[in-house]
PDB file of N, CA and C in Angstrom:
ATOM      1  N   MET A   1     100.860 101.370  79.100  1.00  0.00           N
ATOM      2  CA  MET A   1     101.685 102.566  79.285  1.00  0.00           C
ATOM      3  C   MET A   1     102.427 102.873  77.987  1.00  0.00           C
ATOM      4  N   SER A   2     102.577 104.140  77.710  1.00  0.00           N
ATOM      5  CA  SER A   2     103.306 104.530  76.507  1.00  0.00           C
ATOM      6  C   SER A   2     104.815 104.398  76.741  1.00  0.00           C
ATOM      7  N   ARG A   3     105.534 104.316  75.656  1.00  0.00           N
ATOM      8  CA  ARG A   3     106.999 104.230  75.748  1.00  0.00           C
ATOM      9  C   ARG A   3     107.579 105.466  76.411  1.00  0.00           C
ATOM     10  N   SER A   4     107.017 106.636  76.120  1.00  0.00           N
ATOM     11  CA  SER A   4     107.546 107.865  76.728  1.00  0.00           C
ATOM     12  C   SER A   4     107.300 107.884  78.242  1.00  0.00           C
ATOM     13  N   GLU A   5     106.158 107.343  78.680  1.00  0.00           N
ATOM     14  CA  GLU A   5     105.900 107.252  80.129  1.00  0.00           C
ATOM     15  C   GLU A   5     106.911 106.323  80.794  1.00  0.00           C
ATOM     16  N   ILE A   6     107.137 105.163  80.188  1.00  0.00           N
ATOM     17  CA  ILE A   6     108.109 104.214  80.747  1.00  0.00           C
ATOM     18  C   ILE A   6     109.502 104.826  80.747  1.00  0.00           C
ATOM     19  N   GLU A   7     109.861 105.509  79.675  1.00  0.00           N
ATOM     20  CA  GLU A   7     111.183 106.132  79.593  1.00  0.00           C
ATOM     21  C   GLU A   7     111.400 107.115  80.741  1.00  0.00           C
ATOM     22  N   SER A   8     110.396 107.920  81.040  1.00  0.00           N
ATOM     23  CA  SER A   8     110.486 108.891  82.129  1.00  0.00           C
ATOM     24  C   SER A   8     110.622 108.209  83.488  1.00  0.00           C
ATOM     25  N   LEU A   9     109.753 107.221  83.752  1.00  0.00           N
ATOM     26  CA  LEU A   9     109.785 106.507  85.033  1.00  0.00           C
ATOM     27  C   LEU A   9     111.091 105.744  85.197  1.00  0.00           C
ATOM     28  N   LEU A  10     111.518 105.050  84.145  1.00  0.00           N
ATOM     29  CA  LEU A  10     112.748 104.268  84.205  1.00  0.00           C
ATOM     30  C   LEU A  10     113.958 105.169  84.385  1.00  0.00           C
ATOM     31  N   GLY A  11     113.945 106.327  83.749  1.00  0.00           N
ATOM     32  CA  GLY A  11     115.049 107.280  83.928  1.00  0.00           C
ATOM     33  C   GLY A  11     115.184 107.710  85.378  1.00  0.00           C
ATOM     34  N   ASP A  12     114.054 107.995  86.018  1.00  0.00           N
ATOM     35  CA  ASP A  12     114.092 108.384  87.436  1.00  0.00           C
ATOM     36  C   ASP A  12     114.529 107.213  88.305  1.00  0.00           C
ATOM     37  N   LEU A  13     114.004 106.023  88.041  1.00  0.00           N
ATOM     38  CA  LEU A  13     114.381 104.833  88.799  1.00  0.00           C
ATOM     39  C   LEU A  13     115.898 104.617  88.709  1.00  0.00           C
ATOM     40  N   ASN A  14     116.450 104.645  87.499  1.00  0.00           N
ATOM     41  CA  ASN A  14     117.886 104.427  87.316  1.00  0.00           C
ATOM     42  C   ASN A  14     118.703 105.505  88.021  1.00  0.00           C
ATOM     43  N   SER A  15     118.228 106.739  87.957  1.00  0.00           N
ATOM     44  CA  SER A  15     118.917 107.836  88.636  1.00  0.00           C
ATOM     45  C   SER A  15     118.976 107.602  90.143  1.00  0.00           C
ATOM     46  N   LEU A  16     117.873 107.148  90.719  1.00  0.00           N
ATOM     47  CA  LEU A  16     117.857 106.850  92.158  1.00  0.00           C
ATOM     48  C   LEU A  16     118.856 105.747  92.496  1.00  0.00           C
ATOM     49  N   VAL A  17     118.900 104.697  91.693  1.00  0.00           N
ATOM     50  CA  VAL A  17     119.843 103.599  91.932  1.00  0.00           C
ATOM     51  C   VAL A  17     121.275 104.125  91.869  1.00  0.00           C
ATOM     52  N   LEU A  18     121.572 104.945  90.873  1.00  0.00           N
ATOM     53  CA  LEU A  18     122.927 105.479  90.720  1.00  0.00           C
ATOM     54  C   LEU A  18     123.317 106.423  91.856  1.00  0.00           C
ATOM     55  N   GLN A  19     122.324 106.992  92.526  1.00  0.00           N
ATOM     56  CA  GLN A  19     122.575 107.853  93.689  1.00  0.00           C
ATOM     57  C   GLN A  19     122.683 107.048  94.987  1.00  0.00           C
ATOM     58  N   GLY A  20     122.596 105.718  94.885  1.00  0.00           N
ATOM     59  CA  GLY A  20     122.658 104.882  96.075  1.00  0.00           C
ATOM     60  C   GLY A  20     121.329 104.785  96.804  1.00  0.00           C
ATOM     61  N   LYS A  21     120.235 105.085  96.109  1.00  0.00           N
ATOM     62  CA  LYS A  21     118.904 105.078  96.718  1.00  0.00           C
ATOM     63  C   LYS A  21     118.055 103.946  96.145  1.00  0.00           C
ATOM     64  N   SER A  22     118.622 102.750  96.115  1.00  0.00           N
ATOM     65  CA  SER A  22     117.928 101.609  95.520  1.00  0.00           C
ATOM     66  C   SER A  22     116.626 101.278  96.226  1.00  0.00           C
ATOM     67  N   MET A  23     116.612 101.354  97.542  1.00  0.00           N
ATOM     68  CA  MET A  23     115.379 101.018  98.256  1.00  0.00           C
ATOM     69  C   MET A  23     114.314 102.094  98.061  1.00  0.00           C
ATOM     70  N   GLU A  24     114.728 103.343  97.911  1.00  0.00           N
ATOM     71  CA  GLU A  24     113.763 104.404  97.598  1.00  0.00           C
ATOM     72  C   GLU A  24     113.146 104.138  96.224  1.00  0.00           C
ATOM     73  N   ALA A  25     113.974 103.731  95.265  1.00  0.00           N
ATOM     74  CA  ALA A  25     113.481 103.382  93.927  1.00  0.00           C
ATOM     75  C   ALA A  25     112.528 102.199  94.009  1.00  0.00           C
ATOM     76  N   PHE A  26     112.883 101.211  94.823  1.00  0.00           N
ATOM     77  CA  PHE A  26     112.028 100.035  94.989  1.00  0.00           C
ATOM     78  C   PHE A  26     110.659 100.447  95.522  1.00  0.00           C
ATOM     79  N   GLU A  27     110.620 101.249  96.561  1.00  0.00           N
ATOM     80  CA  GLU A  27     109.347 101.651  97.162  1.00  0.00           C
ATOM     81  C   GLU A  27     108.511 102.475  96.190  1.00  0.00           C
ATOM     82  N   LYS A  28     109.155 103.302  95.382  1.00  0.00           N
ATOM     83  CA  LYS A  28     108.455 104.216  94.488  1.00  0.00           C
ATOM     84  C   LYS A  28     107.945 103.539  93.219  1.00  0.00           C
ATOM     85  N   TYR A  29     108.699 102.572  92.686  1.00  0.00           N
ATOM     86  CA  TYR A  29     108.407 102.077  91.346  1.00  0.00           C
ATOM     87  C   TYR A  29     108.003 100.604  91.238  1.00  0.00           C
ATOM     88  N   TYR A  30     107.919  99.895  92.340  1.00  0.00           N
ATOM     89  CA  TYR A  30     107.566  98.476  92.248  1.00  0.00           C
ATOM     90  C   TYR A  30     106.152  98.244  92.760  1.00  0.00           C
ATOM     91  N   HIS A  31     105.402  97.480  91.992  1.00  0.00           N
ATOM     92  CA  HIS A  31     104.006  97.141  92.267  1.00  0.00           C
ATOM     93  C   HIS A  31     103.913  96.287  93.531  1.00  0.00           C
ATOM     94  N   ASN A  32     102.805  96.383  94.252  1.00  0.00           N
ATOM     95  CA  ASN A  32     102.604  95.565  95.457  1.00  0.00           C
ATOM     96  C   ASN A  32     102.631  94.067  95.159  1.00  0.00           C
ATOM     97  N   ASP A  33     102.271  93.682  93.940  1.00  0.00           N
ATOM     98  CA  ASP A  33     102.249  92.268  93.556  1.00  0.00           C
ATOM     99  C   ASP A  33     103.469  91.878  92.711  1.00  0.00           C
ATOM    100  N   VAL A  34     104.544  92.639  92.818  1.00  0.00           N
ATOM    101  CA  VAL A  34     105.715  92.404  91.972  1.00  0.00           C
ATOM    102  C   VAL A  34     106.285  90.994  92.151  1.00  0.00           C
ATOM    103  N   ILE A  35     106.716  90.455  91.032  1.00  0.00           N
ATOM    104  CA  ILE A  35     107.432  89.173  91.005  1.00  0.00           C
ATOM    105  C   ILE A  35     108.830  89.484  90.502  1.00  0.00           C
ATOM    106  N   MET A  36     109.843  89.057  91.258  1.00  0.00           N
ATOM    107  CA  MET A  36     111.234  89.278  90.862  1.00  0.00           C
ATOM    108  C   MET A  36     111.935  87.933  90.778  1.00  0.00           C
ATOM    109  N   GLN A  37     112.780  87.794  89.763  1.00  0.00           N
ATOM    110  CA  GLN A  37     113.411  86.504  89.513  1.00  0.00           C
ATOM    111  C   GLN A  37     114.888  86.696  89.155  1.00  0.00           C
ATOM    112  N   GLU A  38     115.740  85.949  89.816  1.00  0.00           N
ATOM    113  CA  GLU A  38     117.179  85.923  89.535  1.00  0.00           C
ATOM    114  C   GLU A  38     117.451  84.786  88.551  1.00  0.00           C
ATOM    115  N   ASN A  39     117.971  85.118  87.364  1.00  0.00           N
ATOM    116  CA  ASN A  39     118.253  84.119  86.332  1.00  0.00           C
ATOM    117  C   ASN A  39     117.068  83.161  86.206  1.00  0.00           C
ATOM    118  N   ASN A  40     117.312  81.860  86.344  1.00  0.00           N
ATOM    119  CA  ASN A  40     116.228  80.875  86.241  1.00  0.00           C
ATOM    120  C   ASN A  40     115.817  80.315  87.598  1.00  0.00           C
ATOM    121  N   GLU A  41     116.169  81.037  88.673  1.00  0.00           N
ATOM    122  CA  GLU A  41     115.789  80.605  90.020  1.00  0.00           C
ATOM    123  C   GLU A  41     114.276  80.777  90.209  1.00  0.00           C
ATOM    124  N   ALA A  42     113.753  80.188  91.258  1.00  0.00           N
ATOM    125  CA  ALA A  42     112.335  80.370  91.578  1.00  0.00           C
ATOM    126  C   ALA A  42     112.072  81.850  91.859  1.00  0.00           C
ATOM    127  N   PRO A  43     110.990  82.401  91.346  1.00  0.00           N
ATOM    128  CA  PRO A  43     110.709  83.819  91.567  1.00  0.00           C
ATOM    129  C   PRO A  43     110.301  84.111  93.011  1.00  0.00           C
ATOM    130  N   THR A  44     110.528  85.348  93.412  1.00  0.00           N
ATOM    131  CA  THR A  44     110.063  85.845  94.708  1.00  0.00           C
ATOM    132  C   THR A  44     108.831  86.690  94.423  1.00  0.00           C
ATOM    133  N   ILE A  45     107.743  86.381  95.119  1.00  0.00           N
ATOM    134  CA  ILE A  45     106.446  86.984  94.818  1.00  0.00           C
ATOM    135  C   ILE A  45     106.006  87.905  95.953  1.00  0.00           C
ATOM    136  N   SER A  46     105.599  89.111  95.619  1.00  0.00           N
ATOM    137  CA  SER A  46     105.038  90.175  96.457  1.00  0.00           C
ATOM    138  C   SER A  46     106.110  91.211  96.806  1.00  0.00           C
ATOM    139  N   LYS A  47     105.640  92.419  96.983  1.00  0.00           N
ATOM    140  CA  LYS A  47     106.552  93.515  97.333  1.00  0.00           C
ATOM    141  C   LYS A  47     107.174  93.271  98.703  1.00  0.00           C
ATOM    142  N   GLU A  48     106.388  92.761  99.629  1.00  0.00           N
ATOM    143  CA  GLU A  48     106.896  92.498 100.976  1.00  0.00           C
ATOM    144  C   GLU A  48     108.050  91.493 100.940  1.00  0.00           C
ATOM    145  N   ALA A  49     107.872  90.386 100.247  1.00  0.00           N
ATOM    146  CA  ALA A  49     108.917  89.357 100.173  1.00  0.00           C
ATOM    147  C   ALA A  49     110.144  89.876  99.420  1.00  0.00           C
ATOM    148  N   ASN A  50     109.930  90.647  98.365  1.00  0.00           N
ATOM    149  CA  ASN A  50     111.054  91.196  97.611  1.00  0.00           C
ATOM    150  C   ASN A  50     111.781  92.286  98.391  1.00  0.00           C
ATOM    151  N   ARG A  51     111.053  93.062  99.178  1.00  0.00           N
ATOM    152  CA  ARG A  51     111.689  94.060 100.038  1.00  0.00           C
ATOM    153  C   ARG A  51     112.648  93.366 101.001  1.00  0.00           C
ATOM    154  N   ALA A  52     112.209  92.302 101.631  1.00  0.00           N
ATOM    155  CA  ALA A  52     113.073  91.564 102.566  1.00  0.00           C
ATOM    156  C   ALA A  52     114.295  91.012 101.847  1.00  0.00           C
ATOM    157  N   ARG A  53     114.104  90.495 100.648  1.00  0.00           N
ATOM    158  CA  ARG A  53     115.212  89.945  99.863  1.00  0.00           C
ATOM    159  C   ARG A  53     116.216  91.035  99.498  1.00  0.00           C
ATOM    160  N   GLU A  54     115.718  92.181  99.071  1.00  0.00           N
ATOM    161  CA  GLU A  54     116.596  93.302  98.715  1.00  0.00           C
ATOM    162  C   GLU A  54     117.361  93.812  99.936  1.00  0.00           C
ATOM    163  N   LEU A  55     116.677  93.976 101.056  1.00  0.00           N
ATOM    164  CA  LEU A  55     117.342  94.457 102.277  1.00  0.00           C
ATOM    165  C   LEU A  55     118.422  93.495 102.732  1.00  0.00           C
ATOM    166  N   GLU A  56     118.162  92.194 102.610  1.00  0.00           N
ATOM    167  CA  GLU A  56     119.176  91.199 102.973  1.00  0.00           C
ATOM    168  C   GLU A  56     120.395  91.334 102.064  1.00  0.00           C
ATOM    169  N   PHE A  57     120.173  91.473 100.763  1.00  0.00           N
ATOM    170  CA  PHE A  57     121.272  91.643  99.815  1.00  0.00           C
ATOM    171  C   PHE A  57     122.113  92.861 100.182  1.00  0.00           C
ATOM    172  N   TYR A  58     121.471  94.014 100.351  1.00  0.00           N
ATOM    173  CA  TYR A  58     122.217  95.239 100.637  1.00  0.00           C
ATOM    174  C   TYR A  58     122.925  95.196 101.985  1.00  0.00           C
ATOM    175  N   SER A  59     122.389  94.458 102.941  1.00  0.00           N
ATOM    176  CA  SER A  59     123.039  94.365 104.257  1.00  0.00           C
ATOM    177  C   SER A  59     124.366  93.620 104.188  1.00  0.00           C
ATOM    178  N   LYS A  60     124.579  92.860 103.114  1.00  0.00           N
ATOM    179  CA  LYS A  60     125.801  92.062 102.976  1.00  0.00           C
ATOM    180  C   LYS A  60     126.829  92.687 102.028  1.00  0.00           C
ATOM    181  N   ILE A  61     126.543  93.894 101.544  1.00  0.00           N
ATOM    182  CA  ILE A  61     127.518  94.596 100.710  1.00  0.00           C
ATOM    183  C   ILE A  61     128.573  95.197 101.638  1.00  0.00           C
ATOM    184  N   GLN A  62     129.807  94.764 101.463  1.00  0.00           N
ATOM    185  CA  GLN A  62     130.895  95.256 102.310  1.00  0.00           C
ATOM    186  C   GLN A  62     131.566  96.492 101.706  1.00  0.00           C
ATOM    187  N   GLU A  63     131.692  96.508 100.402  1.00  0.00           N
ATOM    188  CA  GLU A  63     132.263  97.662  99.709  1.00  0.00           C
ATOM    189  C   GLU A  63     131.551  97.793  98.366  1.00  0.00           C
ATOM    190  N   PHE A  64     131.025  98.981  98.102  1.00  0.00           N
ATOM    191  CA  PHE A  64     130.370  99.231  96.818  1.00  0.00           C
ATOM    192  C   PHE A  64     131.259 100.180  96.037  1.00  0.00           C
ATOM    193  N   ARG A  65     131.810  99.692  94.919  1.00  0.00           N
ATOM    194  CA  ARG A  65     132.736 100.498  94.136  1.00  0.00           C
ATOM    195  C   ARG A  65     132.048 101.261  93.013  1.00  0.00           C
ATOM    196  N   SER A  66     131.127 100.606  92.284  1.00  0.00           N
ATOM    197  CA  SER A  66     130.480 101.344  91.197  1.00  0.00           C
ATOM    198  C   SER A  66     129.268 100.604  90.641  1.00  0.00           C
ATOM    199  N   ALA A  67     128.404 101.406  90.011  1.00  0.00           N
ATOM    200  CA  ALA A  67     127.280 100.912  89.206  1.00  0.00           C
ATOM    201  C   ALA A  67     127.158 101.871  88.041  1.00  0.00           C
ATOM    202  N   SER A  68     126.869 101.333  86.867  1.00  0.00           N
ATOM    203  CA  SER A  68     126.678 102.199  85.712  1.00  0.00           C
ATOM    204  C   SER A  68     125.683 101.556  84.751  1.00  0.00           C
ATOM    205  N   VAL A  69     124.957 102.419  84.050  1.00  0.00           N
ATOM    206  CA  VAL A  69     124.009 101.976  83.024  1.00  0.00           C
ATOM    207  C   VAL A  69     124.756 101.936  81.699  1.00  0.00           C
ATOM    208  N   LYS A  70     124.736 100.765  81.055  1.00  0.00           N
ATOM    209  CA  LYS A  70     125.420 100.578  79.772  1.00  0.00           C
ATOM    210  C   LYS A  70     124.458 100.638  78.596  1.00  0.00           C
ATOM    211  N   GLY A  71     123.162 100.476  78.859  1.00  0.00           N
ATOM    212  CA  GLY A  71     122.177 100.533  77.793  1.00  0.00           C
ATOM    213  C   GLY A  71     120.778 100.401  78.334  1.00  0.00           C
ATOM    214  N   VAL A  72     119.803 100.895  77.573  1.00  0.00           N
ATOM    215  CA  VAL A  72     118.393 100.857  77.963  1.00  0.00           C
ATOM    216  C   VAL A  72     117.568 100.574  76.710  1.00  0.00           C
ATOM    217  N   GLY A  73     116.524  99.774  76.865  1.00  0.00           N
ATOM    218  CA  GLY A  73     115.582  99.528  75.781  1.00  0.00           C
ATOM    219  C   GLY A  73     114.166  99.645  76.319  1.00  0.00           C
ATOM    220  N   ILE A  74     113.270 100.187  75.492  1.00  0.00           N
ATOM    221  CA  ILE A  74     111.898 100.404  75.935  1.00  0.00           C
ATOM    222  C   ILE A  74     110.936  99.949  74.847  1.00  0.00           C
ATOM    223  N   GLY A  75     109.921  99.180  75.251  1.00  0.00           N
ATOM    224  CA  GLY A  75     108.873  98.725  74.359  1.00  0.00           C
ATOM    225  C   GLY A  75     107.525  98.972  74.996  1.00  0.00           C
ATOM    226  N   ASP A  76     106.507  98.308  74.505  1.00  0.00           N
ATOM    227  CA  ASP A  76     105.168  98.453  75.057  1.00  0.00           C
ATOM    228  C   ASP A  76     105.075  97.700  76.384  1.00  0.00           C
ATOM    229  N   ASP A  77     104.914  98.444  77.488  1.00  0.00           N
ATOM    230  CA  ASP A  77     104.832  97.888  78.843  1.00  0.00           C
ATOM    231  C   ASP A  77     106.065  97.069  79.219  1.00  0.00           C
ATOM    232  N   LEU A  78     107.190  97.345  78.564  1.00  0.00           N
ATOM    233  CA  LEU A  78     108.392  96.546  78.772  1.00  0.00           C
ATOM    234  C   LEU A  78     109.622  97.442  78.679  1.00  0.00           C
ATOM    235  N   SER A  79     110.616  97.149  79.511  1.00  0.00           N
ATOM    236  CA  SER A  79     111.894  97.848  79.414  1.00  0.00           C
ATOM    237  C   SER A  79     113.000  96.905  79.844  1.00  0.00           C
ATOM    238  N   PHE A  80     114.217  97.269  79.482  1.00  0.00           N
ATOM    239  CA  PHE A  80     115.372  96.561  80.014  1.00  0.00           C
ATOM    240  C   PHE A  80     116.504  97.546  80.229  1.00  0.00           C
ATOM    241  N   VAL A  81     117.355  97.216  81.189  1.00  0.00           N
ATOM    242  CA  VAL A  81     118.524  98.028  81.500  1.00  0.00           C
ATOM    243  C   VAL A  81     119.717  97.096  81.576  1.00  0.00           C
ATOM    244  N   ILE A  82     120.796  97.476  80.925  1.00  0.00           N
ATOM    245  CA  ILE A  82     122.053  96.746  81.041  1.00  0.00           C
ATOM    246  C   ILE A  82     122.899  97.510  82.054  1.00  0.00           C
ATOM    247  N   TRP A  83     123.169  96.846  83.169  1.00  0.00           N
ATOM    248  CA  TRP A  83     123.933  97.441  84.273  1.00  0.00           C
ATOM    249  C   TRP A  83     125.314  96.812  84.357  1.00  0.00           C
ATOM    250  N   HIS A  84     126.269  97.580  84.861  1.00  0.00           N
ATOM    251  CA  HIS A  84     127.559  97.011  85.266  1.00  0.00           C
ATOM    252  C   HIS A  84     127.734  97.323  86.738  1.00  0.00           C
ATOM    253  N   TYR A  85     128.064  96.297  87.517  1.00  0.00           N
ATOM    254  CA  TYR A  85     128.238  96.425  88.967  1.00  0.00           C
ATOM    255  C   TYR A  85     129.628  95.963  89.382  1.00  0.00           C
ATOM    256  N   ASP A  86     130.150  96.611  90.421  1.00  0.00           N
ATOM    257  CA  ASP A  86     131.434  96.236  91.011  1.00  0.00           C
ATOM    258  C   ASP A  86     131.328  96.458  92.519  1.00  0.00           C
ATOM    259  N   TYR A  87     131.344  95.358  93.291  1.00  0.00           N
ATOM    260  CA  TYR A  87     131.202  95.454  94.741  1.00  0.00           C
ATOM    261  C   TYR A  87     131.787  94.208  95.408  1.00  0.00           C
ATOM    262  N   THR A  88     131.896  94.261  96.724  1.00  0.00           N
ATOM    263  CA  THR A  88     132.298  93.099  97.510  1.00  0.00           C
ATOM    264  C   THR A  88     131.126  92.713  98.399  1.00  0.00           C
ATOM    265  N   HIS A  89     130.753  91.439  98.340  1.00  0.00           N
ATOM    266  CA  HIS A  89     129.623  90.894  99.099  1.00  0.00           C
ATOM    267  C   HIS A  89     130.176  89.955 100.168  1.00  0.00           C
ATOM    268  N   ALA A  90     129.582  89.974 101.338  1.00  0.00           N
ATOM    269  CA  ALA A  90     130.054  89.163 102.466  1.00  0.00           C
ATOM    270  C   ALA A  90     130.098  87.675 102.150  1.00  0.00           C
ATOM    271  N   GLU A  91     129.146  87.179 101.375  1.00  0.00           N
ATOM    272  CA  GLU A  91     129.088  85.739 101.076  1.00  0.00           C
ATOM    273  C   GLU A  91     129.708  85.384  99.732  1.00  0.00           C
ATOM    274  N   TRP A  92     129.650  86.298  98.755  1.00  0.00           N
ATOM    275  CA  TRP A  92     130.054  85.974  97.391  1.00  0.00           C
ATOM    276  C   TRP A  92     131.414  86.528  97.008  1.00  0.00           C
ATOM    277  N   GLY A  93     131.998  87.374  97.870  1.00  0.00           N
ATOM    278  CA  GLY A  93     133.295  87.966  97.577  1.00  0.00           C
ATOM    279  C   GLY A  93     133.185  89.102  96.567  1.00  0.00           C
ATOM    280  N   ASP A  94     134.288  89.334  95.832  1.00  0.00           N
ATOM    281  CA  ASP A  94     134.321  90.412  94.846  1.00  0.00           C
ATOM    282  C   ASP A  94     133.451  90.047  93.651  1.00  0.00           C
ATOM    283  N   LYS A  95     132.570  90.957  93.281  1.00  0.00           N
ATOM    284  CA  LYS A  95     131.684  90.773  92.135  1.00  0.00           C
ATOM    285  C   LYS A  95     131.889  91.958  91.189  1.00  0.00           C
ATOM    286  N   ASN A  96     132.175  91.642  89.930  1.00  0.00           N
ATOM    287  CA  ASN A  96     132.361  92.660  88.894  1.00  0.00           C
ATOM    288  C   ASN A  96     131.748  92.066  87.625  1.00  0.00           C
ATOM    289  N   TYR A  97     130.552  92.511  87.248  1.00  0.00           N
ATOM    290  CA  TYR A  97     129.818  91.834  86.186  1.00  0.00           C
ATOM    291  C   TYR A  97     128.797  92.759  85.528  1.00  0.00           C
ATOM    292  N   THR A  98     128.293  92.298  84.398  1.00  0.00           N
ATOM    293  CA  THR A  98     127.215  92.973  83.687  1.00  0.00           C
ATOM    294  C   THR A  98     125.929  92.168  83.882  1.00  0.00           C
ATOM    295  N   GLN A  99     124.838  92.881  84.119  1.00  0.00           N
ATOM    296  CA  GLN A  99     123.532  92.271  84.367  1.00  0.00           C
ATOM    297  C   GLN A  99     122.492  92.946  83.478  1.00  0.00           C
ATOM    298  N   VAL A 100     121.576  92.152  82.945  1.00  0.00           N
ATOM    299  CA  VAL A 100     120.432  92.696  82.226  1.00  0.00           C
ATOM    300  C   VAL A 100     119.221  92.566  83.140  1.00  0.00           C
ATOM    301  N   SER A 101     118.554  93.679  83.373  1.00  0.00           N
ATOM    302  CA  SER A 101     117.322  93.704  84.164  1.00  0.00           C
ATOM    303  C   SER A 101     116.170  93.966  83.208  1.00  0.00           C
ATOM    304  N   ILE A 102     115.231  93.033  83.146  1.00  0.00           N
ATOM    305  CA  ILE A 102     114.080  93.140  82.251  1.00  0.00           C
ATOM    306  C   ILE A 102     112.847  93.423  83.103  1.00  0.00           C
ATOM    307  N   GLN A 103     112.139  94.506  82.778  1.00  0.00           N
ATOM    308  CA  GLN A 103     110.981  94.917  83.570  1.00  0.00           C
ATOM    309  C   GLN A 103     109.711  94.896  82.728  1.00  0.00           C
ATOM    310  N   GLN A 104     108.652  94.380  83.333  1.00  0.00           N
ATOM    311  CA  GLN A 104     107.310  94.495  82.758  1.00  0.00           C
ATOM    312  C   GLN A 104     106.545  95.486  83.629  1.00  0.00           C
ATOM    313  N   TRP A 105     105.898  96.465  82.999  1.00  0.00           N
ATOM    314  CA  TRP A 105     105.214  97.540  83.705  1.00  0.00           C
ATOM    315  C   TRP A 105     103.690  97.344  83.698  1.00  0.00           C
ATOM    316  N   LYS A 106     103.062  97.795  84.788  1.00  0.00           N
ATOM    317  CA  LYS A 106     101.597  97.785  84.897  1.00  0.00           C
ATOM    318  C   LYS A 106     101.184  98.955  85.790  1.00  0.00           C
ATOM    319  N   ASP A 107     100.322  99.805  85.306  1.00  0.00           N
ATOM    320  CA  ASP A 107      99.794 100.919  86.099  1.00  0.00           C
ATOM    321  C   ASP A 107     100.896 101.803  86.693  1.00  0.00           C
ATOM    322  N   GLY A 108     101.953 102.048  85.935  1.00  0.00           N
ATOM    323  CA  GLY A 108     103.022 102.937  86.388  1.00  0.00           C
ATOM    324  C   GLY A 108     104.028 102.307  87.323  1.00  0.00           C
ATOM    325  N   SER A 109     103.963 100.988  87.488  1.00  0.00           N
ATOM    326  CA  SER A 109     104.871 100.284  88.394  1.00  0.00           C
ATOM    327  C   SER A 109     105.414  99.027  87.713  1.00  0.00           C
ATOM    328  N   ILE A 110     106.511  98.544  88.233  1.00  0.00           N
ATOM    329  CA  ILE A 110     107.071  97.296  87.731  1.00  0.00           C
ATOM    330  C   ILE A 110     106.333  96.139  88.396  1.00  0.00           C
ATOM    331  N   ILE A 111     105.731  95.286  87.573  1.00  0.00           N
ATOM    332  CA  ILE A 111     104.965  94.134  88.067  1.00  0.00           C
ATOM    333  C   ILE A 111     105.801  92.859  88.012  1.00  0.00           C
ATOM    334  N   TYR A 112     106.797  92.842  87.108  1.00  0.00           N
ATOM    335  CA  TYR A 112     107.672  91.669  86.971  1.00  0.00           C
ATOM    336  C   TYR A 112     109.052  92.153  86.561  1.00  0.00           C
ATOM    337  N   GLU A 113     110.079  91.572  87.195  1.00  0.00           N
ATOM    338  CA  GLU A 113     111.454  91.888  86.817  1.00  0.00           C
ATOM    339  C   GLU A 113     112.303  90.630  86.904  1.00  0.00           C
ATOM    340  N   GLN A 114     113.091  90.426  85.864  1.00  0.00           N
ATOM    341  CA  GLN A 114     114.033  89.307  85.856  1.00  0.00           C
ATOM    342  C   GLN A 114     115.435  89.866  85.673  1.00  0.00           C
ATOM    343  N   PHE A 115     116.370  89.342  86.462  1.00  0.00           N
ATOM    344  CA  PHE A 115     117.768  89.724  86.398  1.00  0.00           C
ATOM    345  C   PHE A 115     118.548  88.595  85.751  1.00  0.00           C
ATOM    346  N   ILE A 116     119.294  88.902  84.702  1.00  0.00           N
ATOM    347  CA  ILE A 116     120.070  87.896  84.009  1.00  0.00           C
ATOM    348  C   ILE A 116     121.534  88.301  84.108  1.00  0.00           C
ATOM    349  N   TYR A 117     122.352  87.406  84.649  1.00  0.00           N
ATOM    350  CA  TYR A 117     123.769  87.702  84.872  1.00  0.00           C
ATOM    351  C   TYR A 117     124.535  86.387  84.981  1.00  0.00           C
ATOM    352  N   PRO A 118     125.867  86.466  84.817  1.00  0.00           N
ATOM    353  CA  PRO A 118     126.664  85.235  84.954  1.00  0.00           C
ATOM    354  C   PRO A 118     126.701  84.789  86.408  1.00  0.00           C
ATOM    355  N   ASN A 119     126.717  83.501  86.619  1.00  0.00           N
ATOM    356  CA  ASN A 119     126.773  82.973  87.992  1.00  0.00           C
ATOM    357  C   ASN A 119     128.185  82.958  88.523  1.00  0.00           C
TER     358      ASN A 119
END
């Protein structure tokens, strides 16, 4: 994929997330064989398994205060987004942090994504 193609797709994906439509973005832009990984934890493999993981996460958000994009980088079949999040989670309490999301693209979809953030 060209950098301009990734830039366009990633821009729409980020816009959906900022509108509170994270699951719509997930369905639209993630490959059926996607692998997602939190920091150095064991990866979650397949869209079905990651969908369940994402839905569980969002079901435990008690208050969502903000999300913002602080930076974006795009390379060949690769992108990253620096996000800032502020929310309250049922199990983790108040969370206010910066996260780097690194995406590898294949056929117009994200095939691999790793989230790097402080524990």
